[in-house]
Amino acid sequence: MTPSSRLRVPLGLVALALVLTACGGADPEESPTTPPAPATTAAASAAATPASSAGTAASAPAAPESDAASAPSVSAAPAEAAEAGETPAGGSPTADTPATAAAAAAGEADTSGPAASTRAAAPSRPTRPAPVAAKAPASADLGGPKAGVAPADTPVVVASAAPPVVEKVSAADVAPKAPAAPKPAPSASATEASARPSSSAAASSPAPAPASPTAPATHADPVAEPDVDCRVTRCIALTFDDGPGRHTGRLLDLLSAEEVPATFYVIGRSAELNPALIARMAAEGHQVGGHTWSHPNLTTLTPEAVAEELRSTAAAIRAGVAEPSTVRAPYGALNEAVLAAFGTVPGSGSVTWTVDTRDWEHRDPASTLTAVRAEAAPGGIVLMHDIHSTSVDAVPAVIDHLRAQGYTLVTVDTLTGGVPSGSTVRGGLHP
């Protein structure tokens, strides 16, 4: 090989190396000066994700391949929140959020998807008004045209539908009990003579004759109704429901001793069994009104059945030689249909109350008096029940309190001036 040839070979190799370097060089493993490429695969795929899922994919951090199966799906949380009707954090409410919120306000969770949300947003209209719940309808505004009266065709829900106990009262519980007369003090001579009886006198004196039997009194003297004008006088009326019963005779004794007239709203079935007590009420100057035959919730009956409850009770009162005047609906449950039925029966003006002692519930004389103290007002009507002994026990203290407050106690007819059939009153005349 000539010297020029030996020189051309190294130069060719140098030129080849320069060409290879200009074309990119060797593999990375053979070029330690070349830095590793950054991991941009996730970012690139996120950039290629459609707009509807870009926020979800971008918010999820990259996880190792081995943890992908066990790691929770972050993108599922917003979807679950949307199905539950919740607003995602930092976002706007979903399309069905208003319907879901309405369901939540009604105490229900919407988990059935968009179809259920659409149904909740457009509920069906009810065909009847919702029931009106009231413990004492007479003291509440139920939306009707009169106090204590619900709108037409709106049922009144009462706390209890249990009728009072009906029983025939014994003759001993009917007859008035006269207060025992005090025994006269014996004279000194009579005492001394009785201390030293003569045996001969004792032997010769005849045996005392037995007292001749007398028929028991059927009633006490009538209570005079006060001649007052309740428009200028502080009047109040005591009324007693659900009798007559075994404690009614004792109540009549108390009213007679206090010279207080009252008004009794009697159950027809009880009146039929105890005509002597009805006769005694009327003979002693009290007003007798009807409280229906069987104590039903009248708003659940037909108008014909309501009228029959009143007529049957009025007949039982007349059988006891009393004239019925006014009625009281059991539980105070009235509506326009019931009042219209009342208008078909003479003497059936409706009377409710202003003072509810709730004596049937607590059975405590002190609590009965507390209710009267708190709620009594001129023109007031006090509701009590003569079938409970504890109610009768409370009457003397109630009368004493009302008199101390300057009230005159009268019957409902005197307090109201009369109530036409088919109308209702909650109280009476007052200054």
Protein backbone atom coordinates (compact mmCIF):
# COMPACT_ATOMS: atom_id res chain seq x y z
CA MET A 1 0.00 0.00 0.00
CA THR A 2 1.41 3.41 -0.93
CA PRO A 3 1.74 6.15 1.69
CA SER A 4 -1.09 8.12 0.14
CA SER A 5 -3.41 5.14 0.43
CA ARG A 6 -2.53 4.63 4.08
CA LEU A 7 -3.41 8.31 4.70
CA ARG A 8 -6.79 8.11 2.95
CA VAL A 9 -8.11 5.23 5.16
CA PRO A 10 -7.92 7.14 8.49
CA LEU A 11 -9.37 10.19 6.89
CA GLY A 12 -12.30 8.16 5.56
CA LEU A 13 -12.98 6.70 8.98
CA VAL A 14 -12.97 10.18 10.53
CA ALA A 15 -15.37 11.38 7.85
CA LEU A 16 -17.69 8.39 8.51
CA ALA A 17 -17.70 9.14 12.22
CA LEU A 18 -18.62 12.73 11.55
CA VAL A 19 -21.51 11.65 9.34
CA LEU A 20 -22.85 9.23 11.97
CA THR A 21 -22.69 11.89 14.68
CA ALA A 22 -24.60 14.34 12.53
CA CYS A 23 -27.34 11.71 11.92
CA GLY A 24 -28.20 11.19 15.66
CA GLY A 25 -25.43 9.21 17.15
CA ALA A 26 -25.61 5.90 18.92
CA ASP A 27 -28.34 4.30 21.18
CA PRO A 28 -29.03 6.03 24.50
CA GLU A 29 -27.42 3.20 26.45
CA GLU A 30 -24.20 3.99 24.67
CA SER A 31 -24.53 7.79 25.14
CA PRO A 32 -24.58 8.53 28.95
CA THR A 33 -24.58 12.22 28.24
CA THR A 34 -28.08 12.03 26.71
CA PRO A 35 -30.79 12.73 29.48
CA PRO A 36 -33.77 10.29 29.81
CA ALA A 37 -37.00 11.41 28.22
CA PRO A 38 -39.66 12.72 30.81
CA ALA A 39 -42.84 10.62 31.48
CA THR A 40 -45.36 12.64 29.48
CA THR A 41 -47.66 9.80 28.45
CA ALA A 42 -50.40 10.59 31.05
CA ALA A 43 -50.38 14.27 30.20
CA ALA A 44 -50.59 13.52 26.53
CA SER A 45 -53.52 11.17 27.01
CA ALA A 46 -55.26 13.73 29.21
CA ALA A 47 -54.89 16.32 26.49
CA ALA A 48 -56.49 13.91 24.07
CA THR A 49 -59.47 13.17 26.42
CA PRO A 50 -62.86 14.60 25.31
CA ALA A 51 -64.07 17.74 27.09
CA SER A 52 -66.85 15.88 28.94
CA SER A 53 -64.33 13.83 30.94
CA ALA A 54 -61.27 16.10 30.91
CA GLY A 55 -61.85 17.45 34.42
CA THR A 56 -62.16 14.00 35.91
CA ALA A 57 -59.09 12.54 34.16
CA ALA A 58 -56.89 15.55 34.88
CA SER A 59 -57.82 15.57 38.56
CA ALA A 60 -56.77 11.94 39.08
CA PRO A 61 -53.09 11.52 40.04
CA ALA A 62 -51.05 8.92 38.18
CA ALA A 63 -50.91 5.64 40.04
CA PRO A 64 -48.49 2.74 39.66
CA GLU A 65 -49.65 -0.03 37.38
CA SER A 66 -49.70 -2.54 40.25
CA ASP A 67 -52.09 -0.37 42.39
CA ALA A 68 -54.60 0.38 39.66
CA ALA A 69 -56.95 -2.48 40.58
CA SER A 70 -57.07 -1.73 44.32
CA ALA A 71 -57.16 2.06 44.21
CA PRO A 72 -60.64 3.70 44.48
CA SER A 73 -61.95 5.42 41.39
CA VAL A 74 -61.84 9.16 41.98
CA SER A 75 -63.89 9.90 38.90
CA ALA A 76 -66.87 7.93 40.34
CA ALA A 77 -67.42 10.31 43.27
CA PRO A 78 -69.03 13.17 41.33
CA ALA A 79 -71.34 10.73 39.56
CA GLU A 80 -72.48 9.20 42.87
CA ALA A 81 -73.05 12.65 44.32
CA ALA A 82 -75.18 13.55 41.33
CA GLU A 83 -77.33 10.43 41.79
CA ALA A 84 -77.80 11.29 45.48
CA GLY A 85 -78.90 14.81 44.61
CA GLU A 86 -75.86 16.50 46.14
CA THR A 87 -73.93 19.39 44.64
CA PRO A 88 -70.28 18.43 43.88
CA ALA A 89 -67.73 20.49 45.74
CA GLY A 90 -66.75 23.56 43.78
CA GLY A 91 -69.30 22.84 41.07
CA SER A 92 -72.86 23.77 40.19
CA PRO A 93 -75.97 21.80 41.13
CA THR A 94 -76.90 18.96 38.85
CA ALA A 95 -80.01 19.12 36.70
CA ASP A 96 -82.09 17.05 39.14
CA THR A 97 -80.96 18.81 42.32
CA PRO A 98 -84.22 20.86 42.80
CA ALA A 99 -86.39 17.76 42.58
CA THR A 100 -84.07 15.89 44.91
CA ALA A 101 -84.10 18.75 47.40
CA ALA A 102 -87.90 18.62 47.40
CA ALA A 103 -87.75 14.92 48.11
CA ALA A 104 -85.25 15.51 50.91
CA ALA A 105 -87.58 18.11 52.44
CA ALA A 106 -90.29 15.46 52.51
CA GLY A 107 -87.93 13.09 54.32
CA GLU A 108 -87.20 10.87 51.33
CA ALA A 109 -83.94 10.12 49.48
CA ASP A 110 -83.97 10.10 45.69
CA THR A 111 -81.81 7.22 44.49
CA SER A 112 -83.73 6.16 41.42
CA GLY A 113 -82.09 8.41 38.83
CA PRO A 114 -83.41 11.10 36.52
CA ALA A 115 -86.80 9.45 35.96
CA ALA A 116 -87.62 9.55 39.67
CA SER A 117 -86.45 13.15 39.84
CA THR A 118 -88.88 14.08 37.09
CA ARG A 119 -91.75 12.40 38.90
CA ALA A 120 -90.88 14.17 42.17
CA ALA A 121 -90.85 17.53 40.43
CA ALA A 122 -94.47 17.11 39.25
CA PRO A 123 -96.52 15.37 42.00
CA SER A 124 -100.15 14.47 41.37
CA ARG A 125 -102.74 16.86 42.84
CA PRO A 126 -104.70 15.40 45.80
CA THR A 127 -108.41 14.90 45.31
CA ARG A 128 -109.36 15.84 48.92
CA PRO A 129 -107.92 18.30 51.41
CA ALA A 130 -105.57 16.86 54.00
CA PRO A 131 -107.09 16.02 57.40
CA VAL A 132 -107.07 18.73 60.03
CA ALA A 133 -105.57 17.43 63.27
CA ALA A 134 -106.86 19.12 66.41
CA LYS A 135 -107.21 18.09 70.04
CA ALA A 136 -109.57 20.91 70.84
CA PRO A 137 -111.11 22.18 67.59
CA ALA A 138 -113.22 24.73 69.45
CA SER A 139 -110.14 26.68 70.51
CA ALA A 140 -108.39 26.59 67.13
CA ASP A 141 -108.92 28.31 63.81
CA LEU A 142 -109.39 25.41 61.41
CA GLY A 143 -109.95 27.63 58.39
CA GLY A 144 -113.74 27.38 58.34
CA PRO A 145 -116.23 30.26 58.51
CA LYS A 146 -116.90 29.79 62.24
CA ALA A 147 -114.69 29.21 65.27
CA GLY A 148 -113.94 25.53 65.71
CA VAL A 149 -115.32 24.56 62.30
CA ALA A 150 -113.18 23.02 59.58
CA PRO A 151 -113.62 23.84 55.89
CA ALA A 152 -116.28 21.90 54.01
CA ASP A 153 -115.49 18.23 53.46
CA THR A 154 -112.31 18.42 55.52
CA PRO A 155 -112.29 15.67 58.17
CA VAL A 156 -111.22 16.54 61.70
CA VAL A 157 -108.85 14.02 63.27
CA VAL A 158 -109.51 13.50 66.97
CA ALA A 159 -107.08 12.19 69.56
CA SER A 160 -109.30 9.33 70.73
CA ALA A 161 -112.48 7.73 69.48
CA ALA A 162 -113.17 5.62 72.58
CA PRO A 163 -116.75 6.26 73.78
CA PRO A 164 -117.41 6.82 77.49
CA VAL A 165 -118.66 4.00 79.68
CA VAL A 166 -122.46 3.66 79.76
CA GLU A 167 -124.04 2.20 82.89
CA LYS A 168 -127.29 2.08 84.80
CA VAL A 169 -126.89 3.95 88.07
CA SER A 170 -128.21 2.48 91.31
CA ALA A 171 -131.10 4.19 93.12
CA ALA A 172 -128.75 5.05 96.00
CA ASP A 173 -126.62 7.12 93.61
CA VAL A 174 -129.64 8.94 92.21
CA ALA A 175 -131.41 10.21 95.32
CA PRO A 176 -130.16 13.48 96.79
CA LYS A 177 -128.14 13.27 99.98
CA ALA A 178 -129.32 15.86 102.50
CA PRO A 179 -126.57 17.18 104.77
CA ALA A 180 -126.68 15.53 108.20
CA ALA A 181 -128.44 17.75 110.75
CA PRO A 182 -126.37 18.43 113.89
CA LYS A 183 -127.58 16.61 116.98
CA PRO A 184 -128.97 18.91 119.73
CA ALA A 185 -126.93 19.02 122.92
CA PRO A 186 -128.75 17.19 125.76
CA SER A 187 -129.80 19.19 128.84
CA ALA A 188 -128.11 18.67 132.19
CA SER A 189 -131.22 17.21 133.81
CA ALA A 190 -131.75 14.79 130.97
CA THR A 191 -128.12 13.74 131.14
CA GLU A 192 -128.31 13.22 134.88
CA ALA A 193 -131.54 11.26 134.62
CA SER A 194 -130.14 9.05 131.89
CA ALA A 195 -127.08 8.39 134.00
CA ARG A 196 -129.25 7.03 136.84
CA PRO A 197 -132.10 5.15 135.18
CA SER A 198 -134.80 3.66 137.36
CA SER A 199 -135.20 -0.03 136.83
CA SER A 200 -138.91 0.21 137.49
CA ALA A 201 -139.29 3.06 135.04
CA ALA A 202 -137.35 1.12 132.48
CA ALA A 203 -139.56 -1.88 133.02
CA SER A 204 -142.78 0.11 132.78
CA SER A 205 -141.87 2.35 129.84
CA PRO A 206 -143.21 1.12 126.50
CA ALA A 207 -140.87 0.28 123.67
CA PRO A 208 -140.46 3.10 121.11
CA ALA A 209 -142.59 2.75 118.00
CA PRO A 210 -140.65 2.11 114.79
CA ALA A 211 -140.36 5.07 112.46
CA SER A 212 -142.77 4.98 109.58
CA PRO A 213 -141.01 4.47 106.25
CA THR A 214 -140.96 7.45 103.93
CA ALA A 215 -140.25 7.53 100.21
CA PRO A 216 -136.80 8.91 99.40
CA ALA A 217 -136.70 12.40 97.91
CA THR A 218 -136.29 12.43 94.17
CA HIS A 219 -134.70 15.87 93.95
CA ALA A 220 -133.63 18.86 96.00
CA ASP A 221 -135.11 22.32 95.81
CA PRO A 222 -134.48 23.96 92.46
CA VAL A 223 -131.56 26.33 92.05
CA ALA A 224 -132.77 29.79 91.10
CA GLU A 225 -131.21 31.00 87.85
CA PRO A 226 -129.64 34.41 88.47
CA ASP A 227 -131.54 37.22 86.77
CA VAL A 228 -128.54 38.87 85.10
CA ASP A 229 -127.60 40.41 81.79
CA CYS A 230 -124.31 38.80 80.82
CA ARG A 231 -123.57 41.72 78.49
CA VAL A 232 -122.88 43.83 81.58
CA THR A 233 -122.16 41.13 84.20
CA ARG A 234 -119.14 38.84 84.43
CA CYS A 235 -120.84 35.51 83.69
CA ILE A 236 -119.41 32.03 83.21
CA ALA A 237 -120.98 28.59 82.71
CA LEU A 238 -120.00 25.19 84.08
CA THR A 239 -120.75 22.36 81.65
CA PHE A 240 -120.45 18.61 82.20
CA ASP A 241 -120.19 16.00 79.41
CA ASP A 242 -120.59 12.23 78.97
CA GLY A 243 -123.07 11.54 81.81
CA PRO A 244 -125.19 10.75 83.55
CA GLY A 245 -123.13 8.34 85.63
CA ARG A 246 -122.63 7.11 89.17
CA HIS A 247 -121.02 10.42 90.26
CA THR A 248 -123.69 12.69 88.79
CA GLY A 249 -125.92 12.49 91.88
CA ARG A 250 -123.09 13.70 94.13
CA LEU A 251 -122.38 16.53 91.71
CA LEU A 252 -126.03 17.56 91.86
CA ASP A 253 -125.79 17.57 95.67
CA LEU A 254 -122.79 19.93 95.49
CA LEU A 255 -124.43 22.26 92.98
CA SER A 256 -127.58 22.38 95.09
CA ALA A 257 -125.63 23.19 98.26
CA GLU A 258 -123.76 25.98 96.42
CA GLU A 259 -126.92 27.14 94.60
CA VAL A 260 -125.13 27.01 91.25
CA PRO A 261 -126.95 26.16 88.01
CA ALA A 262 -125.01 24.12 85.43
CA THR A 263 -125.47 22.63 81.98
CA PHE A 264 -125.26 18.88 81.34
CA TYR A 265 -124.52 17.45 77.88
CA VAL A 266 -125.68 13.86 78.23
CA ILE A 267 -125.11 10.69 76.18
CA GLY A 268 -128.40 9.39 74.82
CA ARG A 269 -127.72 5.78 75.80
CA SER A 270 -126.95 6.81 79.38
CA ALA A 271 -129.98 9.08 79.53
CA GLU A 272 -132.22 6.23 78.42
CA LEU A 273 -130.85 3.99 81.19
CA ASN A 274 -131.09 6.68 83.88
CA PRO A 275 -134.23 8.77 83.38
CA ALA A 276 -134.41 9.56 87.11
CA LEU A 277 -131.11 11.46 86.94
CA ILE A 278 -132.32 13.42 83.90
CA ALA A 279 -135.51 14.28 85.78
CA ARG A 280 -133.49 15.38 88.79
CA MET A 281 -131.28 17.66 86.66
CA ALA A 282 -134.33 19.43 85.25
CA ALA A 283 -136.18 19.58 88.58
CA GLU A 284 -133.18 21.19 90.28
CA GLY A 285 -132.94 23.99 87.72
CA HIS A 286 -130.14 22.79 85.43
CA GLN A 287 -130.02 22.87 81.64
CA VAL A 288 -129.91 19.52 79.83
CA GLY A 289 -128.46 19.27 76.32
CA GLY A 290 -127.54 16.43 73.98
CA HIS A 291 -124.09 14.93 73.47
CA THR A 292 -125.28 12.42 70.80
CA TRP A 293 -126.54 8.90 71.30
CA SER A 294 -123.25 6.96 71.08
CA HIS A 295 -120.47 9.61 71.19
CA PRO A 296 -119.11 9.20 67.62
CA ASN A 297 -116.95 11.57 65.63
CA LEU A 298 -119.79 13.21 63.73
CA THR A 299 -117.55 14.28 60.84
CA THR A 300 -117.32 10.60 59.83
CA LEU A 301 -121.11 10.12 59.56
CA THR A 302 -123.65 10.92 56.88
CA PRO A 303 -125.97 13.89 57.52
CA GLU A 304 -128.85 11.46 58.10
CA ALA A 305 -126.86 9.55 60.72
CA VAL A 306 -125.87 12.81 62.45
CA ALA A 307 -129.50 13.91 62.67
CA GLU A 308 -130.52 10.51 64.05
CA GLU A 309 -127.87 10.74 66.79
CA LEU A 310 -129.44 14.02 67.89
CA ARG A 311 -133.09 12.93 67.61
CA SER A 312 -132.55 9.73 69.59
CA THR A 313 -130.78 11.63 72.36
CA ALA A 314 -133.49 14.30 72.49
CA ALA A 315 -136.12 11.57 72.85
CA ALA A 316 -134.24 10.02 75.78
CA ILE A 317 -133.98 13.43 77.48
CA ARG A 318 -137.72 14.05 77.06
CA ALA A 319 -138.40 10.60 78.53
CA GLY A 320 -136.66 11.91 81.64
CA VAL A 321 -139.14 14.81 81.79
CA ALA A 322 -136.68 17.42 80.56
CA GLU A 323 -136.64 19.59 77.46
CA PRO A 324 -133.35 19.37 75.54
CA SER A 325 -131.63 22.63 74.73
CA THR A 326 -128.45 22.92 72.60
CA VAL A 327 -126.00 20.14 71.76
CA ARG A 328 -122.28 19.54 72.00
CA ALA A 329 -120.47 17.51 69.35
CA PRO A 330 -118.23 14.77 70.79
CA TYR A 331 -114.58 15.88 70.75
CA GLY A 332 -115.81 19.26 69.47
CA ALA A 333 -115.44 17.78 65.95
CA LEU A 334 -117.50 19.88 63.55
CA ASN A 335 -117.60 20.75 59.90
CA GLU A 336 -120.10 22.42 57.59
CA ALA A 337 -121.92 19.16 56.81
CA VAL A 338 -122.40 18.42 60.52
CA LEU A 339 -123.72 21.91 61.21
CA ALA A 340 -126.14 21.60 58.31
CA ALA A 341 -127.46 18.37 59.84
CA PHE A 342 -127.83 20.14 63.20
CA GLY A 343 -130.05 22.66 61.44
CA THR A 344 -132.61 19.95 60.67
CA VAL A 345 -133.20 19.10 64.36
CA PRO A 346 -134.96 21.68 66.59
CA GLY A 347 -133.09 22.74 69.72
CA SER A 348 -129.72 21.73 68.25
CA GLY A 349 -127.60 24.85 68.45
CA SER A 350 -123.95 23.82 68.81
CA VAL A 351 -121.95 24.80 71.90
CA THR A 352 -118.23 24.19 72.32
CA TRP A 353 -116.05 25.67 75.11
CA THR A 354 -113.39 28.19 76.09
CA VAL A 355 -111.84 26.41 79.09
CA ASP A 356 -110.69 22.83 78.48
CA THR A 357 -109.80 21.42 81.89
CA ARG A 358 -108.72 18.06 80.36
CA ASP A 359 -110.04 16.46 83.53
CA TRP A 360 -110.63 13.21 81.64
CA GLU A 361 -106.89 12.97 81.00
CA HIS A 362 -105.11 13.88 84.24
CA ARG A 363 -107.86 12.89 86.75
CA ASP A 364 -106.51 15.40 89.25
CA PRO A 365 -108.71 18.03 91.00
CA ALA A 366 -105.76 20.41 91.46
CA SER A 367 -104.99 20.33 87.72
CA THR A 368 -108.64 21.01 86.92
CA LEU A 369 -108.59 24.08 89.17
CA THR A 370 -105.30 25.23 87.61
CA ALA A 371 -106.87 25.15 84.14
CA VAL A 372 -109.84 27.20 85.31
CA ARG A 373 -107.56 29.75 86.98
CA ALA A 374 -105.51 30.13 83.79
CA GLU A 375 -108.28 30.28 81.18
CA ALA A 376 -111.46 31.65 82.78
CA ALA A 377 -112.76 34.87 81.26
CA PRO A 378 -116.13 36.68 81.08
CA GLY A 379 -118.47 34.82 78.75
CA GLY A 380 -116.48 31.63 79.25
CA ILE A 381 -117.70 28.03 79.04
CA VAL A 382 -115.87 25.50 81.24
CA LEU A 383 -115.66 21.90 79.99
CA MET A 384 -115.67 19.11 82.61
CA HIS A 385 -116.98 15.52 82.83
CA ASP A 386 -119.32 14.28 85.56
CA ILE A 387 -118.43 10.62 84.94
CA HIS A 388 -115.13 11.04 86.84
CA SER A 389 -115.07 11.28 90.63
CA THR A 390 -111.98 13.50 90.52
CA SER A 391 -113.87 16.02 88.38
CA VAL A 392 -116.69 16.18 90.90
CA ASP A 393 -114.10 16.58 93.68
CA ALA A 394 -112.79 19.71 91.96
CA VAL A 395 -116.16 21.49 91.72
CA PRO A 396 -116.28 23.19 95.17
CA ALA A 397 -112.82 24.75 94.70
CA VAL A 398 -113.70 25.80 91.12
CA ILE A 399 -116.87 27.52 92.32
CA ASP A 400 -115.04 29.27 95.18
CA HIS A 401 -112.36 30.57 92.80
CA LEU A 402 -114.81 31.86 90.20
CA ARG A 403 -116.91 33.62 92.80
CA ALA A 404 -113.80 35.18 94.31
CA GLN A 405 -113.03 36.59 90.85
CA GLY A 406 -116.45 38.22 90.66
CA TYR A 407 -118.14 35.74 88.29
CA THR A 408 -121.83 34.89 88.29
CA LEU A 409 -122.38 31.23 87.40
CA VAL A 410 -125.21 30.63 84.92
CA THR A 411 -126.46 28.08 82.41
CA VAL A 412 -125.38 28.12 78.76
CA ASP A 413 -128.79 29.43 77.65
CA THR A 414 -128.45 32.43 79.98
CA LEU A 415 -124.83 32.99 78.97
CA THR A 416 -125.47 32.94 75.23
CA GLY A 417 -129.04 34.20 75.02
CA GLY A 418 -129.87 31.05 73.02
CA VAL A 419 -128.16 29.32 70.09
CA PRO A 420 -130.16 28.69 66.89
CA SER A 421 -130.02 25.20 65.37
CA GLY A 422 -127.35 24.88 62.70
CA SER A 423 -125.07 27.52 64.26
CA THR A 424 -122.26 27.17 66.77
CA VAL A 425 -120.83 29.29 69.57
CA ARG A 426 -117.58 29.00 71.48
CA GLY A 427 -118.41 31.44 74.27
CA GLY A 428 -121.19 33.65 75.48
CA LEU A 429 -122.16 37.25 76.12
CA HIS A 430 -119.73 39.34 78.11
CA PRO A 431 -119.06 42.99 79.01
